[in-house]
Amino acid sequence: MLRLTRFNGTELFVNPELIITVESTPDTVITLTTGEKLVIKEKTRDVVDQFMEYKRFIHTQANRLG
């Protein structure tokens, strides 16, 4: 899960597998497979970095299991 922050300061956790796009408009907007759009405080690069870390973790765990 990615830990993100809405502009009102509330924290939310997003399943990275649901992300279609991450764009700067200049605010960071995440579009999910459900069609929902999230506007968050984090910079686009930070979201991508979290996503890549998540994928590395999943890949490492899969290699350990089999």
PDB file of N, CA and C in Angstrom:
ATOM      1  N   MET A   1       0.849  -1.180   0.000  1.00  0.00           N
ATOM      2  CA  MET A   1       0.000   0.000   0.000  1.00  0.00           C
ATOM      3  C   MET A   1       0.894   1.242   0.000  1.00  0.00           C
ATOM      4  N   LEU A   2       0.418   2.272  -0.677  1.00  0.00           N
ATOM      5  CA  LEU A   2       1.127   3.549  -0.683  1.00  0.00           C
ATOM      6  C   LEU A   2       0.472   4.468   0.340  1.00  0.00           C
ATOM      7  N   ARG A   3       1.291   5.108   1.158  1.00  0.00           N
ATOM      8  CA  ARG A   3       0.794   6.074   2.143  1.00  0.00           C
ATOM      9  C   ARG A   3       0.854   7.453   1.502  1.00  0.00           C
ATOM     10  N   LEU A   4      -0.312   8.084   1.358  1.00  0.00           N
ATOM     11  CA  LEU A   4      -0.418   9.378   0.700  1.00  0.00           C
ATOM     12  C   LEU A   4      -1.181  10.355   1.583  1.00  0.00           C
ATOM     13  N   THR A   5      -1.140  11.646   1.201  1.00  0.00           N
ATOM     14  CA  THR A   5      -1.787  12.687   1.996  1.00  0.00           C
ATOM     15  C   THR A   5      -2.676  13.556   1.116  1.00  0.00           C
ATOM     16  N   ARG A   6      -3.922  13.688   1.516  1.00  0.00           N
ATOM     17  CA  ARG A   6      -4.827  14.613   0.818  1.00  0.00           C
ATOM     18  C   ARG A   6      -4.464  16.043   1.207  1.00  0.00           C
ATOM     19  N   PHE A   7      -4.961  17.005   0.475  1.00  0.00           N
ATOM     20  CA  PHE A   7      -4.651  18.406   0.763  1.00  0.00           C
ATOM     21  C   PHE A   7      -5.245  18.890   2.080  1.00  0.00           C
ATOM     22  N   ASN A   8      -6.269  18.200   2.586  1.00  0.00           N
ATOM     23  CA  ASN A   8      -6.828  18.591   3.876  1.00  0.00           C
ATOM     24  C   ASN A   8      -6.035  17.988   5.042  1.00  0.00           C
ATOM     25  N   GLY A   9      -4.953  17.261   4.703  1.00  0.00           N
ATOM     26  CA  GLY A   9      -4.078  16.708   5.725  1.00  0.00           C
ATOM     27  C   GLY A   9      -4.385  15.279   6.126  1.00  0.00           C
ATOM     28  N   THR A  10      -5.494  14.727   5.655  1.00  0.00           N
ATOM     29  CA  THR A  10      -5.818  13.344   6.021  1.00  0.00           C
ATOM     30  C   THR A  10      -4.942  12.372   5.232  1.00  0.00           C
ATOM     31  N   GLU A  11      -4.594  11.301   5.904  1.00  0.00           N
ATOM     32  CA  GLU A  11      -3.746  10.284   5.311  1.00  0.00           C
ATOM     33  C   GLU A  11      -4.629   9.205   4.680  1.00  0.00           C
ATOM     34  N   LEU A  12      -4.171   8.666   3.567  1.00  0.00           N
ATOM     35  CA  LEU A  12      -4.891   7.555   2.968  1.00  0.00           C
ATOM     36  C   LEU A  12      -3.886   6.552   2.439  1.00  0.00           C
ATOM     37  N   PHE A  13      -4.318   5.327   2.330  1.00  0.00           N
ATOM     38  CA  PHE A  13      -3.486   4.252   1.811  1.00  0.00           C
ATOM     39  C   PHE A  13      -4.134   3.748   0.524  1.00  0.00           C
ATOM     40  N   VAL A  14      -3.328   3.658  -0.526  1.00  0.00           N
ATOM     41  CA  VAL A  14      -3.837   3.282  -1.838  1.00  0.00           C
ATOM     42  C   VAL A  14      -3.159   1.990  -2.286  1.00  0.00           C
ATOM     43  N   ASN A  15      -3.959   1.076  -2.803  1.00  0.00           N
ATOM     44  CA  ASN A  15      -3.430  -0.155  -3.381  1.00  0.00           C
ATOM     45  C   ASN A  15      -2.758   0.211  -4.707  1.00  0.00           C
ATOM     46  N   PRO A  16      -1.446   0.053  -4.805  1.00  0.00           N
ATOM     47  CA  PRO A  16      -0.737   0.443  -6.026  1.00  0.00           C
ATOM     48  C   PRO A  16      -1.202  -0.298  -7.278  1.00  0.00           C
ATOM     49  N   GLU A  17      -1.769  -1.471  -7.092  1.00  0.00           N
ATOM     50  CA  GLU A  17      -2.239  -2.240  -8.249  1.00  0.00           C
ATOM     51  C   GLU A  17      -3.441  -1.589  -8.922  1.00  0.00           C
ATOM     52  N   LEU A  18      -4.072  -0.636  -8.261  1.00  0.00           N
ATOM     53  CA  LEU A  18      -5.236   0.053  -8.829  1.00  0.00           C
ATOM     54  C   LEU A  18      -4.878   1.327  -9.580  1.00  0.00           C
ATOM     55  N   ILE A  19      -3.615   1.711  -9.566  1.00  0.00           N
ATOM     56  CA  ILE A  19      -3.208   2.974 -10.194  1.00  0.00           C
ATOM     57  C   ILE A  19      -3.045   2.791 -11.700  1.00  0.00           C
ATOM     58  N   ILE A  20      -3.699   3.688 -12.450  1.00  0.00           N
ATOM     59  CA  ILE A  20      -3.533   3.721 -13.909  1.00  0.00           C
ATOM     60  C   ILE A  20      -2.502   4.783 -14.273  1.00  0.00           C
ATOM     61  N   THR A  21      -2.695   6.019 -13.754  1.00  0.00           N
ATOM     62  CA  THR A  21      -1.771   7.106 -14.067  1.00  0.00           C
ATOM     63  C   THR A  21      -1.489   7.948 -12.834  1.00  0.00           C
ATOM     64  N   VAL A  22      -0.315   8.593 -12.876  1.00  0.00           N
ATOM     65  CA  VAL A  22       0.075   9.594 -11.882  1.00  0.00           C
ATOM     66  C   VAL A  22       0.559  10.784 -12.691  1.00  0.00           C
ATOM     67  N   GLU A  23      -0.074  11.939 -12.486  1.00  0.00           N
ATOM     68  CA  GLU A  23       0.301  13.096 -13.297  1.00  0.00           C
ATOM     69  C   GLU A  23       0.380  14.364 -12.457  1.00  0.00           C
ATOM     70  N   SER A  24       1.183  15.318 -12.942  1.00  0.00           N
ATOM     71  CA  SER A  24       1.298  16.638 -12.313  1.00  0.00           C
ATOM     72  C   SER A  24       0.480  17.619 -13.133  1.00  0.00           C
ATOM     73  N   THR A  25      -0.390  18.380 -12.445  1.00  0.00           N
ATOM     74  CA  THR A  25      -1.281  19.280 -13.198  1.00  0.00           C
ATOM     75  C   THR A  25      -1.320  20.729 -12.700  1.00  0.00           C
ATOM     76  N   PRO A  26      -0.616  21.364 -11.851  1.00  0.00           N
ATOM     77  CA  PRO A  26       0.630  20.988 -11.201  1.00  0.00           C
ATOM     78  C   PRO A  26       0.446  20.137  -9.944  1.00  0.00           C
ATOM     79  N   ASP A  27      -0.769  20.046  -9.393  1.00  0.00           N
ATOM     80  CA  ASP A  27      -0.962  19.139  -8.258  1.00  0.00           C
ATOM     81  C   ASP A  27      -0.832  17.710  -8.758  1.00  0.00           C
ATOM     82  N   THR A  28      -0.512  16.804  -7.857  1.00  0.00           N
ATOM     83  CA  THR A  28      -0.395  15.403  -8.245  1.00  0.00           C
ATOM     84  C   THR A  28      -1.778  14.761  -8.247  1.00  0.00           C
ATOM     85  N   VAL A  29      -2.146  14.198  -9.383  1.00  0.00           N
ATOM     86  CA  VAL A  29      -3.442  13.544  -9.545  1.00  0.00           C
ATOM     87  C   VAL A  29      -3.197  12.081  -9.902  1.00  0.00           C
ATOM     88  N   ILE A  30      -3.806  11.193  -9.112  1.00  0.00           N
ATOM     89  CA  ILE A  30      -3.718   9.759  -9.357  1.00  0.00           C
ATOM     90  C   ILE A  30      -5.071   9.298  -9.884  1.00  0.00           C
ATOM     91  N   THR A  31      -5.064   8.572 -10.998  1.00  0.00           N
ATOM     92  CA  THR A  31      -6.280   7.987 -11.540  1.00  0.00           C
ATOM     93  C   THR A  31      -6.247   6.491 -11.265  1.00  0.00           C
ATOM     94  N   LEU A  32      -7.337   5.994 -10.680  1.00  0.00           N
ATOM     95  CA  LEU A  32      -7.438   4.581 -10.334  1.00  0.00           C
ATOM     96  C   LEU A  32      -8.257   3.823 -11.374  1.00  0.00           C
ATOM     97  N   THR A  33      -8.138   2.514 -11.369  1.00  0.00           N
ATOM     98  CA  THR A  33      -8.890   1.676 -12.304  1.00  0.00           C
ATOM     99  C   THR A  33     -10.395   1.819 -12.102  1.00  0.00           C
ATOM    100  N   THR A  34     -10.813   2.294 -10.931  1.00  0.00           N
ATOM    101  CA  THR A  34     -12.233   2.495 -10.643  1.00  0.00           C
ATOM    102  C   THR A  34     -12.775   3.774 -11.274  1.00  0.00           C
ATOM    103  N   GLY A  35     -11.860   4.599 -11.825  1.00  0.00           N
ATOM    104  CA  GLY A  35     -12.257   5.885 -12.387  1.00  0.00           C
ATOM    105  C   GLY A  35     -12.094   7.027 -11.396  1.00  0.00           C
ATOM    106  N   GLU A  36     -11.877   6.691 -10.128  1.00  0.00           N
ATOM    107  CA  GLU A  36     -11.692   7.717  -9.101  1.00  0.00           C
ATOM    108  C   GLU A  36     -10.368   8.440  -9.330  1.00  0.00           C
ATOM    109  N   LYS A  37     -10.389   9.756  -9.073  1.00  0.00           N
ATOM    110  CA  LYS A  37      -9.177  10.564  -9.164  1.00  0.00           C
ATOM    111  C   LYS A  37      -8.866  11.095  -7.769  1.00  0.00           C
ATOM    112  N   LEU A  38      -7.611  10.977  -7.374  1.00  0.00           N
ATOM    113  CA  LEU A  38      -7.162  11.458  -6.077  1.00  0.00           C
ATOM    114  C   LEU A  38      -6.185  12.599  -6.288  1.00  0.00           C
ATOM    115  N   VAL A  39      -6.402  13.716  -5.599  1.00  0.00           N
ATOM    116  CA  VAL A  39      -5.472  14.839  -5.635  1.00  0.00           C
ATOM    117  C   VAL A  39      -4.733  14.815  -4.306  1.00  0.00           C
ATOM    118  N   ILE A  40      -3.414  14.726  -4.381  1.00  0.00           N
ATOM    119  CA  ILE A  40      -2.630  14.536  -3.171  1.00  0.00           C
ATOM    120  C   ILE A  40      -1.490  15.546  -3.070  1.00  0.00           C
ATOM    121  N   LYS A  41      -0.925  15.654  -1.856  1.00  0.00           N
ATOM    122  CA  LYS A  41       0.172  16.587  -1.589  1.00  0.00           C
ATOM    123  C   LYS A  41       1.509  16.125  -2.138  1.00  0.00           C
ATOM    124  N   GLU A  42       1.742  14.805  -2.143  1.00  0.00           N
ATOM    125  CA  GLU A  42       3.040  14.285  -2.558  1.00  0.00           C
ATOM    126  C   GLU A  42       3.333  14.642  -4.011  1.00  0.00           C
ATOM    127  N   LYS A  43       4.598  14.819  -4.307  1.00  0.00           N
ATOM    128  CA  LYS A  43       5.034  15.069  -5.680  1.00  0.00           C
ATOM    129  C   LYS A  43       4.942  13.773  -6.479  1.00  0.00           C
ATOM    130  N   THR A  44       4.768  13.905  -7.778  1.00  0.00           N
ATOM    131  CA  THR A  44       4.651  12.758  -8.663  1.00  0.00           C
ATOM    132  C   THR A  44       5.833  11.808  -8.497  1.00  0.00           C
ATOM    133  N   ARG A  45       7.032  12.340  -8.446  1.00  0.00           N
ATOM    134  CA  ARG A  45       8.234  11.517  -8.316  1.00  0.00           C
ATOM    135  C   ARG A  45       8.200  10.698  -7.027  1.00  0.00           C
ATOM    136  N   ASP A  46       7.696  11.280  -5.928  1.00  0.00           N
ATOM    137  CA  ASP A  46       7.604  10.557  -4.652  1.00  0.00           C
ATOM    138  C   ASP A  46       6.633   9.384  -4.749  1.00  0.00           C
ATOM    139  N   VAL A  47       5.534   9.583  -5.467  1.00  0.00           N
ATOM    140  CA  VAL A  47       4.556   8.500  -5.649  1.00  0.00           C
ATOM    141  C   VAL A  47       5.183   7.378  -6.478  1.00  0.00           C
ATOM    142  N   VAL A  48       5.874   7.736  -7.532  1.00  0.00           N
ATOM    143  CA  VAL A  48       6.537   6.740  -8.379  1.00  0.00           C
ATOM    144  C   VAL A  48       7.586   5.982  -7.565  1.00  0.00           C
ATOM    145  N   ASP A  49       8.347   6.690  -6.741  1.00  0.00           N
ATOM    146  CA  ASP A  49       9.352   6.031  -5.907  1.00  0.00           C
ATOM    147  C   ASP A  49       8.711   5.036  -4.941  1.00  0.00           C
ATOM    148  N   GLN A  50       7.598   5.431  -4.321  1.00  0.00           N
ATOM    149  CA  GLN A  50       6.883   4.510  -3.428  1.00  0.00           C
ATOM    150  C   GLN A  50       6.373   3.292  -4.198  1.00  0.00           C
ATOM    151  N   PHE A  51       5.852   3.539  -5.390  1.00  0.00           N
ATOM    152  CA  PHE A  51       5.346   2.450  -6.219  1.00  0.00           C
ATOM    153  C   PHE A  51       6.461   1.466  -6.560  1.00  0.00           C
ATOM    154  N   MET A  52       7.614   1.988  -6.962  1.00  0.00           N
ATOM    155  CA  MET A  52       8.741   1.130  -7.316  1.00  0.00           C
ATOM    156  C   MET A  52       9.233   0.343  -6.103  1.00  0.00           C
ATOM    157  N   GLU A  53       9.255   0.954  -4.947  1.00  0.00           N
ATOM    158  CA  GLU A  53       9.657   0.255  -3.731  1.00  0.00           C
ATOM    159  C   GLU A  53       8.677  -0.878  -3.419  1.00  0.00           C
ATOM    160  N   TYR A  54       7.400  -0.618  -3.598  1.00  0.00           N
ATOM    161  CA  TYR A  54       6.370  -1.647  -3.405  1.00  0.00           C
ATOM    162  C   TYR A  54       6.618  -2.829  -4.346  1.00  0.00           C
ATOM    163  N   LYS A  55       6.873  -2.536  -5.624  1.00  0.00           N
ATOM    164  CA  LYS A  55       7.095  -3.591  -6.611  1.00  0.00           C
ATOM    165  C   LYS A  55       8.352  -4.394  -6.282  1.00  0.00           C
ATOM    166  N   ARG A  56       9.415  -3.711  -5.849  1.00  0.00           N
ATOM    167  CA  ARG A  56      10.639  -4.413  -5.456  1.00  0.00           C
ATOM    168  C   ARG A  56      10.366  -5.355  -4.288  1.00  0.00           C
ATOM    169  N   PHE A  57       9.589  -4.877  -3.320  1.00  0.00           N
ATOM    170  CA  PHE A  57       9.252  -5.687  -2.154  1.00  0.00           C
ATOM    171  C   PHE A  57       8.478  -6.937  -2.572  1.00  0.00           C
ATOM    172  N   ILE A  58       7.471  -6.765  -3.418  1.00  0.00           N
ATOM    173  CA  ILE A  58       6.657  -7.886  -3.884  1.00  0.00           C
ATOM    174  C   ILE A  58       7.533  -8.887  -4.638  1.00  0.00           C
ATOM    175  N   HIS A  59       8.386  -8.387  -5.508  1.00  0.00           N
ATOM    176  CA  HIS A  59       9.262  -9.256  -6.297  1.00  0.00           C
ATOM    177  C   HIS A  59      10.217 -10.038  -5.388  1.00  0.00           C
ATOM    178  N   THR A  60      10.791  -9.367  -4.396  1.00  0.00           N
ATOM    179  CA  THR A  60      11.715 -10.018  -3.461  1.00  0.00           C
ATOM    180  C   THR A  60      11.006 -11.119  -2.681  1.00  0.00           C
ATOM    181  N   GLN A  61       9.798 -10.822  -2.215  1.00  0.00           N
ATOM    182  CA  GLN A  61       9.048 -11.827  -1.462  1.00  0.00           C
ATOM    183  C   GLN A  61       8.683 -13.026  -2.317  1.00  0.00           C
ATOM    184  N   ALA A  62       8.325 -12.779  -3.566  1.00  0.00           N
ATOM    185  CA  ALA A  62       7.977 -13.870  -4.477  1.00  0.00           C
ATOM    186  C   ALA A  62       9.191 -14.757  -4.732  1.00  0.00           C
ATOM    187  N   ASN A  63      10.361 -14.152  -4.874  1.00  0.00           N
ATOM    188  CA  ASN A  63      11.582 -14.945  -5.109  1.00  0.00           C
ATOM    189  C   ASN A  63      11.937 -15.785  -3.885  1.00  0.00           C
ATOM    190  N   ARG A  64      11.669 -15.286  -2.710  1.00  0.00           N
ATOM    191  CA  ARG A  64      11.963 -16.039  -1.484  1.00  0.00           C
ATOM    192  C   ARG A  64      11.068 -17.271  -1.353  1.00  0.00           C
ATOM    193  N   LEU A  65       9.848 -17.135  -1.847  1.00  0.00           N
ATOM    194  CA  LEU A  65       8.888 -18.227  -1.709  1.00  0.00           C
ATOM    195  C   LEU A  65       9.068 -19.313  -2.780  1.00  0.00           C
ATOM    196  N   GLY A  66       9.645 -18.939  -3.871  1.00  0.00           N
ATOM    197  CA  GLY A  66       9.663 -19.980  -4.874  1.00  0.00           C
ATOM    198  C   GLY A  66      10.712 -19.827  -5.876  1.00  0.00           C
TER     199      GLY A  66
END
